[in-house]
Amino acid sequence: QVQLEESGGGLVQPGGSLKLSCAAPGDIFSRSIMGWYRQTPGNQRELVAEAGAGGTLRYTGAVKGRFTISRDNTKNTVHLQMNNLKPEDTAVYYCKAQQPLTWGGDYWGKGTQVTVSS
């Protein structure tokens, strides 16, 4: 099984910034929608942002205008730039490679903790 790996999580003050990164094997990256999800105890894992291979971007309303997802196709890496962080952004953040159904299953990272607190 392919294992994605997130990096960039940590502790930050409210209003601060963090940048998350996630790399995938090139063949998987090129054909996948790359997404960032987050999860807190007792809640469902929810979409934060997605970036399609063709340039389509979408964000959950809670982060629109503060977070930016981007793809670096040379490095097969997806980033999530998180600005003006709020305490309610605290969660475990997961990277996902969503392949077309014809290619098989999706791939996930193990998650990285983001904590926003003073």
C-alpha atoms as a PDB file:
ATOM      1  CA  GLN A   1       0.000   0.000   0.000  1.00  0.00           C
ATOM      2  CA  VAL A   2       1.262   3.480  -0.879  1.00  0.00           C
ATOM      3  CA  GLN A   3       1.590   5.666   2.210  1.00  0.00           C
ATOM      4  CA  LEU A   4       1.459   9.425   1.828  1.00  0.00           C
ATOM      5  CA  GLU A   5       3.369  11.513   4.362  1.00  0.00           C
ATOM      6  CA  GLU A   6       2.343  14.931   5.612  1.00  0.00           C
ATOM      7  CA  SER A   7       4.722  17.465   7.086  1.00  0.00           C
ATOM      8  CA  GLY A   8       4.530  20.991   8.458  1.00  0.00           C
ATOM      9  CA  GLY A   9       2.132  20.649  11.354  1.00  0.00           C
ATOM     10  CA  GLY A  10       2.808  22.041  14.789  1.00  0.00           C
ATOM     11  CA  LEU A  11       1.855  24.655  17.356  1.00  0.00           C
ATOM     12  CA  VAL A  12       0.988  28.185  16.316  1.00  0.00           C
ATOM     13  CA  GLN A  13      -0.547  31.293  17.881  1.00  0.00           C
ATOM     14  CA  PRO A  14      -3.946  32.528  16.697  1.00  0.00           C
ATOM     15  CA  GLY A  15      -3.403  34.652  13.617  1.00  0.00           C
ATOM     16  CA  GLY A  16      -0.245  32.788  12.719  1.00  0.00           C
ATOM     17  CA  SER A  17       0.588  30.664   9.695  1.00  0.00           C
ATOM     18  CA  LEU A  18       1.648  27.133   8.856  1.00  0.00           C
ATOM     19  CA  LYS A  19       2.400  25.378   5.581  1.00  0.00           C
ATOM     20  CA  LEU A  20       1.617  21.696   5.156  1.00  0.00           C
ATOM     21  CA  SER A  21       3.207  19.536   2.465  1.00  0.00           C
ATOM     22  CA  CYS A  22       2.487  16.078   1.076  1.00  0.00           C
ATOM     23  CA  ALA A  23       4.248  14.110  -1.644  1.00  0.00           C
ATOM     24  CA  ALA A  24       2.954  11.161  -3.666  1.00  0.00           C
ATOM     25  CA  PRO A  25       4.447   8.843  -6.283  1.00  0.00           C
ATOM     26  CA  GLY A  26       4.415  10.609  -9.632  1.00  0.00           C
ATOM     27  CA  ASP A  27       2.048   8.273 -11.462  1.00  0.00           C
ATOM     28  CA  ILE A  28      -0.483   8.542  -8.654  1.00  0.00           C
ATOM     29  CA  PHE A  29      -0.054  12.285  -8.187  1.00  0.00           C
ATOM     30  CA  SER A  30      -0.553  13.095 -11.864  1.00  0.00           C
ATOM     31  CA  ARG A  31      -3.924  11.368 -12.125  1.00  0.00           C
ATOM     32  CA  SER A  32      -5.291  12.160  -8.662  1.00  0.00           C
ATOM     33  CA  ILE A  33      -7.296  14.869  -7.031  1.00  0.00           C
ATOM     34  CA  MET A  34      -5.080  15.906  -4.137  1.00  0.00           C
ATOM     35  CA  GLY A  35      -6.902  16.945  -1.000  1.00  0.00           C
ATOM     36  CA  TRP A  36      -6.450  18.055   2.566  1.00  0.00           C
ATOM     37  CA  TYR A  37      -8.864  16.847   5.227  1.00  0.00           C
ATOM     38  CA  ARG A  38      -9.054  17.392   8.960  1.00  0.00           C
ATOM     39  CA  GLN A  39     -10.569  15.591  11.903  1.00  0.00           C
ATOM     40  CA  THR A  40     -11.186  16.369  15.572  1.00  0.00           C
ATOM     41  CA  PRO A  41     -12.242  13.924  18.300  1.00  0.00           C
ATOM     42  CA  GLY A  42     -15.880  12.922  18.001  1.00  0.00           C
ATOM     43  CA  ASN A  43     -16.301  14.373  14.522  1.00  0.00           C
ATOM     44  CA  GLN A  44     -16.224  13.102  10.964  1.00  0.00           C
ATOM     45  CA  ARG A  45     -13.185  13.690   8.825  1.00  0.00           C
ATOM     46  CA  GLU A  46     -14.017  16.700   6.673  1.00  0.00           C
ATOM     47  CA  LEU A  47     -12.700  18.200   3.474  1.00  0.00           C
ATOM     48  CA  VAL A  48     -10.575  21.320   3.851  1.00  0.00           C
ATOM     49  CA  ALA A  49      -9.371  21.862   0.287  1.00  0.00           C
ATOM     50  CA  GLU A  50      -8.931  19.982  -2.998  1.00  0.00           C
ATOM     51  CA  ALA A  51      -6.813  20.563  -6.083  1.00  0.00           C
ATOM     52  CA  GLY A  52      -7.530  18.643  -9.274  1.00  0.00           C
ATOM     53  CA  ALA A  53      -4.835  17.777 -11.789  1.00  0.00           C
ATOM     54  CA  GLY A  54      -6.470  20.113 -14.292  1.00  0.00           C
ATOM     55  CA  GLY A  55      -6.424  23.128 -11.982  1.00  0.00           C
ATOM     56  CA  THR A  56      -9.808  22.920 -10.287  1.00  0.00           C
ATOM     57  CA  LEU A  57      -9.712  24.177  -6.695  1.00  0.00           C
ATOM     58  CA  ARG A  58     -12.298  24.067  -3.955  1.00  0.00           C
ATOM     59  CA  TYR A  59     -12.375  24.933  -0.262  1.00  0.00           C
ATOM     60  CA  THR A  60     -14.681  24.467   2.640  1.00  0.00           C
ATOM     61  CA  GLY A  61     -16.307  27.739   3.625  1.00  0.00           C
ATOM     62  CA  ALA A  62     -14.591  27.817   7.008  1.00  0.00           C
ATOM     63  CA  VAL A  63     -11.155  28.286   5.418  1.00  0.00           C
ATOM     64  CA  LYS A  64     -12.001  30.202   2.239  1.00  0.00           C
ATOM     65  CA  GLY A  65      -9.816  33.285   1.998  1.00  0.00           C
ATOM     66  CA  ARG A  66      -7.369  32.052   4.638  1.00  0.00           C
ATOM     67  CA  PHE A  67      -6.033  28.763   3.230  1.00  0.00           C
ATOM     68  CA  THR A  68      -4.504  28.127  -0.189  1.00  0.00           C
ATOM     69  CA  ILE A  69      -3.975  24.714  -1.760  1.00  0.00           C
ATOM     70  CA  SER A  70      -1.413  24.342  -4.521  1.00  0.00           C
ATOM     71  CA  ARG A  71       0.199  21.583  -6.579  1.00  0.00           C
ATOM     72  CA  ASP A  72       3.860  21.405  -7.528  1.00  0.00           C
ATOM     73  CA  ASN A  73       3.818  18.963 -10.437  1.00  0.00           C
ATOM     74  CA  THR A  74       7.617  18.942 -10.720  1.00  0.00           C
ATOM     75  CA  LYS A  75       7.975  17.641  -7.173  1.00  0.00           C
ATOM     76  CA  ASN A  76       4.699  15.686  -7.073  1.00  0.00           C
ATOM     77  CA  THR A  77       3.781  17.606  -3.956  1.00  0.00           C
ATOM     78  CA  VAL A  78       0.640  19.315  -2.726  1.00  0.00           C
ATOM     79  CA  HIS A  79       0.799  22.169  -0.214  1.00  0.00           C
ATOM     80  CA  LEU A  80      -1.677  23.817   2.089  1.00  0.00           C
ATOM     81  CA  GLN A  81      -0.728  27.340   3.106  1.00  0.00           C
ATOM     82  CA  MET A  82      -2.734  28.233   6.202  1.00  0.00           C
ATOM     83  CA  ASN A  83      -2.872  31.895   7.195  1.00  0.00           C
ATOM     84  CA  ASN A  84      -4.736  33.738   9.948  1.00  0.00           C
ATOM     85  CA  LEU A  85      -5.172  30.504  11.853  1.00  0.00           C
ATOM     86  CA  LYS A  86      -7.949  30.249  14.419  1.00  0.00           C
ATOM     87  CA  PRO A  87      -8.352  27.950  17.438  1.00  0.00           C
ATOM     88  CA  GLU A  88     -11.162  26.157  15.601  1.00  0.00           C
ATOM     89  CA  ASP A  89      -8.640  25.113  12.940  1.00  0.00           C
ATOM     90  CA  THR A  90      -7.043  22.809  15.512  1.00  0.00           C
ATOM     91  CA  ALA A  91      -7.248  19.251  14.164  1.00  0.00           C
ATOM     92  CA  VAL A  92      -5.299  16.387  12.697  1.00  0.00           C
ATOM     93  CA  TYR A  93      -4.769  17.185   9.024  1.00  0.00           C
ATOM     94  CA  TYR A  94      -4.620  14.392   6.444  1.00  0.00           C
ATOM     95  CA  CYS A  95      -3.408  14.296   2.859  1.00  0.00           C
ATOM     96  CA  LYS A  96      -5.435  12.319   0.307  1.00  0.00           C
ATOM     97  CA  ALA A  97      -4.770  11.220  -3.257  1.00  0.00           C
ATOM     98  CA  GLN A  98      -8.125  10.493  -4.876  1.00  0.00           C
ATOM     99  CA  GLN A  99      -7.661   8.443  -8.020  1.00  0.00           C
ATOM    100  CA  PRO A 100     -10.237   8.025 -10.771  1.00  0.00           C
ATOM    101  CA  LEU A 101     -12.394   5.018 -10.000  1.00  0.00           C
ATOM    102  CA  THR A 102     -10.898   3.054 -12.891  1.00  0.00           C
ATOM    103  CA  TRP A 103      -7.454   3.123 -11.229  1.00  0.00           C
ATOM    104  CA  GLY A 104      -8.510   1.745  -7.885  1.00  0.00           C
ATOM    105  CA  GLY A 105      -8.423   2.912  -4.303  1.00  0.00           C
ATOM    106  CA  ASP A 106      -7.417   6.182  -2.754  1.00  0.00           C
ATOM    107  CA  TYR A 107      -4.322   6.847  -0.655  1.00  0.00           C
ATOM    108  CA  TRP A 108      -4.030   8.647   2.664  1.00  0.00           C
ATOM    109  CA  GLY A 109      -1.310   9.965   4.888  1.00  0.00           C
ATOM    110  CA  LYS A 110      -1.069   9.250   8.599  1.00  0.00           C
ATOM    111  CA  GLY A 111      -1.951  12.801   9.584  1.00  0.00           C
ATOM    112  CA  THR A 112      -0.169  15.735  11.163  1.00  0.00           C
ATOM    113  CA  GLN A 113      -1.359  17.666  14.215  1.00  0.00           C
ATOM    114  CA  VAL A 114      -2.119  21.364  13.881  1.00  0.00           C
ATOM    115  CA  THR A 115      -2.775  23.175  17.149  1.00  0.00           C
ATOM    116  CA  VAL A 116      -3.764  26.841  17.266  1.00  0.00           C
ATOM    117  CA  SER A 117      -3.588  28.200  20.798  1.00  0.00           C
ATOM    118  CA  SER A 118      -2.214  31.075  22.835  1.00  0.00           C
END
